[in-house]
Every structure is written in structure tokens, then in C-alpha cells.
Amino acid sequence: MESVLQHFLYQAGQKDAAAALHSAINDTPTPEEIARHPQLFEAVKD
């Protein structure tokens, strides 16, 4: 179901919303979250 919603978000030009949905489904941070809290993700980059 989530992948269908993600597909329609991309088709509607809502790439940020689709990316956020993808991140939430996969429990991964979005680039915006990483930029907002770089100290939390600093160790993950290495």
C-alpha cells in the first residue's frame, strides 16, 4: 500500500513527500533530517 502511495506522490510531483514516506517506511533519515541534526548522524557516515 505504501509503495502505491509513494508512486502517486512521485507522479503528482510531490518528490519531498514521497522521499519522506520512503524514509519512514525504511526507518532511514531524510537528507533534511541529517542536515538538521548532523551530530546524530556523524558516526553513521564513516
N, C-alpha and C. Protein backbone atom coordinates (compact mmCIF):
# COMPACT_ATOMS: atom_id res chain seq x y z
N MET A 1 0.82 -1.19 0.00
CA MET A 1 0.00 0.00 0.00
C MET A 1 0.87 1.26 0.00
N GLU A 2 1.93 1.24 0.80
CA GLU A 2 2.79 2.41 0.87
C GLU A 2 3.46 2.70 -0.46
N SER A 3 3.85 1.64 -1.17
CA SER A 3 4.52 1.85 -2.45
C SER A 3 3.57 2.47 -3.47
N VAL A 4 2.28 2.14 -3.40
CA VAL A 4 1.30 2.75 -4.29
C VAL A 4 1.18 4.23 -3.98
N LEU A 5 1.08 4.56 -2.71
CA LEU A 5 1.01 5.97 -2.31
C LEU A 5 2.27 6.70 -2.74
N GLN A 6 3.40 6.08 -2.54
CA GLN A 6 4.67 6.69 -2.93
C GLN A 6 4.70 6.93 -4.44
N HIS A 7 4.22 5.99 -5.22
CA HIS A 7 4.17 6.15 -6.68
C HIS A 7 3.31 7.35 -7.06
N PHE A 8 2.13 7.47 -6.46
CA PHE A 8 1.25 8.58 -6.80
C PHE A 8 1.81 9.92 -6.34
N LEU A 9 2.52 9.93 -5.23
CA LEU A 9 3.17 11.17 -4.79
C LEU A 9 4.22 11.61 -5.81
N TYR A 10 5.02 10.67 -6.29
CA TYR A 10 6.02 11.00 -7.33
C TYR A 10 5.33 11.50 -8.60
N GLN A 11 4.26 10.82 -9.00
CA GLN A 11 3.55 11.22 -10.22
C GLN A 11 2.95 12.61 -10.09
N ALA A 12 2.56 12.99 -8.89
CA ALA A 12 1.96 14.31 -8.64
C ALA A 12 3.02 15.37 -8.43
N GLY A 13 4.29 15.00 -8.53
CA GLY A 13 5.36 15.97 -8.35
C GLY A 13 5.71 16.24 -6.90
N GLN A 14 5.23 15.41 -6.01
CA GLN A 14 5.48 15.57 -4.58
C GLN A 14 6.68 14.72 -4.17
N LYS A 15 7.84 15.04 -4.74
CA LYS A 15 9.03 14.23 -4.51
C LYS A 15 9.49 14.27 -3.06
N ASP A 16 9.37 15.43 -2.40
CA ASP A 16 9.78 15.51 -1.00
C ASP A 16 8.90 14.63 -0.12
N ALA A 17 7.60 14.65 -0.38
CA ALA A 17 6.68 13.82 0.40
C ALA A 17 6.93 12.34 0.13
N ALA A 18 7.19 11.99 -1.13
CA ALA A 18 7.48 10.60 -1.46
C ALA A 18 8.78 10.14 -0.81
N ALA A 19 9.78 11.01 -0.79
CA ALA A 19 11.05 10.66 -0.15
C ALA A 19 10.87 10.50 1.35
N ALA A 20 10.07 11.36 1.96
CA ALA A 20 9.80 11.25 3.40
C ALA A 20 9.06 9.96 3.71
N LEU A 21 8.10 9.60 2.87
CA LEU A 21 7.38 8.35 3.06
C LEU A 21 8.34 7.16 2.94
N HIS A 22 9.20 7.19 1.94
CA HIS A 22 10.18 6.12 1.76
C HIS A 22 11.08 6.00 2.99
N SER A 23 11.53 7.13 3.50
CA SER A 23 12.39 7.12 4.69
C SER A 23 11.67 6.56 5.90
N ALA A 24 10.41 6.93 6.04
CA ALA A 24 9.63 6.44 7.18
C ALA A 24 9.41 4.93 7.08
N ILE A 25 9.13 4.45 5.90
CA ILE A 25 8.92 3.02 5.70
C ILE A 25 10.19 2.24 6.01
N ASN A 26 11.32 2.75 5.57
CA ASN A 26 12.60 2.06 5.73
C ASN A 26 13.36 2.47 6.97
N ASP A 27 12.75 3.33 7.77
CA ASP A 27 13.35 3.81 9.01
C ASP A 27 14.74 4.40 8.77
N THR A 28 14.85 5.21 7.72
CA THR A 28 16.10 5.91 7.41
C THR A 28 15.85 7.41 7.45
N PRO A 29 16.83 8.18 7.83
CA PRO A 29 16.64 9.63 7.89
C PRO A 29 16.64 10.26 6.51
N THR A 30 15.86 11.33 6.37
CA THR A 30 15.87 12.08 5.12
C THR A 30 17.08 13.00 5.12
N PRO A 31 17.50 13.49 3.97
CA PRO A 31 18.62 14.45 3.93
C PRO A 31 18.35 15.69 4.79
N GLU A 32 17.09 16.09 4.86
CA GLU A 32 16.74 17.24 5.69
C GLU A 32 16.97 16.95 7.17
N GLU A 33 16.61 15.74 7.60
CA GLU A 33 16.84 15.35 9.00
C GLU A 33 18.34 15.30 9.31
N ILE A 34 19.11 14.78 8.39
CA ILE A 34 20.56 14.72 8.59
C ILE A 34 21.14 16.12 8.68
N ALA A 35 20.68 17.02 7.81
CA ALA A 35 21.17 18.41 7.84
C ALA A 35 20.76 19.11 9.12
N ARG A 36 19.59 18.81 9.62
CA ARG A 36 19.09 19.45 10.84
C ARG A 36 19.83 18.97 12.08
N HIS A 37 20.24 17.71 12.09
CA HIS A 37 20.89 17.11 13.27
C HIS A 37 22.17 16.39 12.87
N PRO A 38 23.15 17.10 12.34
CA PRO A 38 24.36 16.43 11.83
C PRO A 38 25.12 15.65 12.90
N GLN A 39 25.09 16.11 14.14
CA GLN A 39 25.83 15.42 15.19
C GLN A 39 25.26 14.02 15.45
N LEU A 40 23.98 13.82 15.20
CA LEU A 40 23.38 12.50 15.41
C LEU A 40 23.81 11.49 14.35
N PHE A 41 24.11 11.99 13.16
CA PHE A 41 24.41 11.11 12.04
C PHE A 41 25.88 11.11 11.66
N GLU A 42 26.70 11.85 12.38
CA GLU A 42 28.12 11.97 12.06
C GLU A 42 28.82 10.61 12.06
N ALA A 43 28.56 9.80 13.06
CA ALA A 43 29.22 8.50 13.17
C ALA A 43 28.74 7.53 12.09
N VAL A 44 27.54 7.72 11.60
CA VAL A 44 26.97 6.82 10.60
C VAL A 44 27.66 6.98 9.26
N LYS A 45 28.14 8.19 8.94
CA LYS A 45 28.77 8.46 7.65
C LYS A 45 30.06 7.67 7.47
N ASP A 46 30.78 7.41 8.55
CA ASP A 46 32.10 6.76 8.45
C ASP A 46 32.00 5.28 8.22
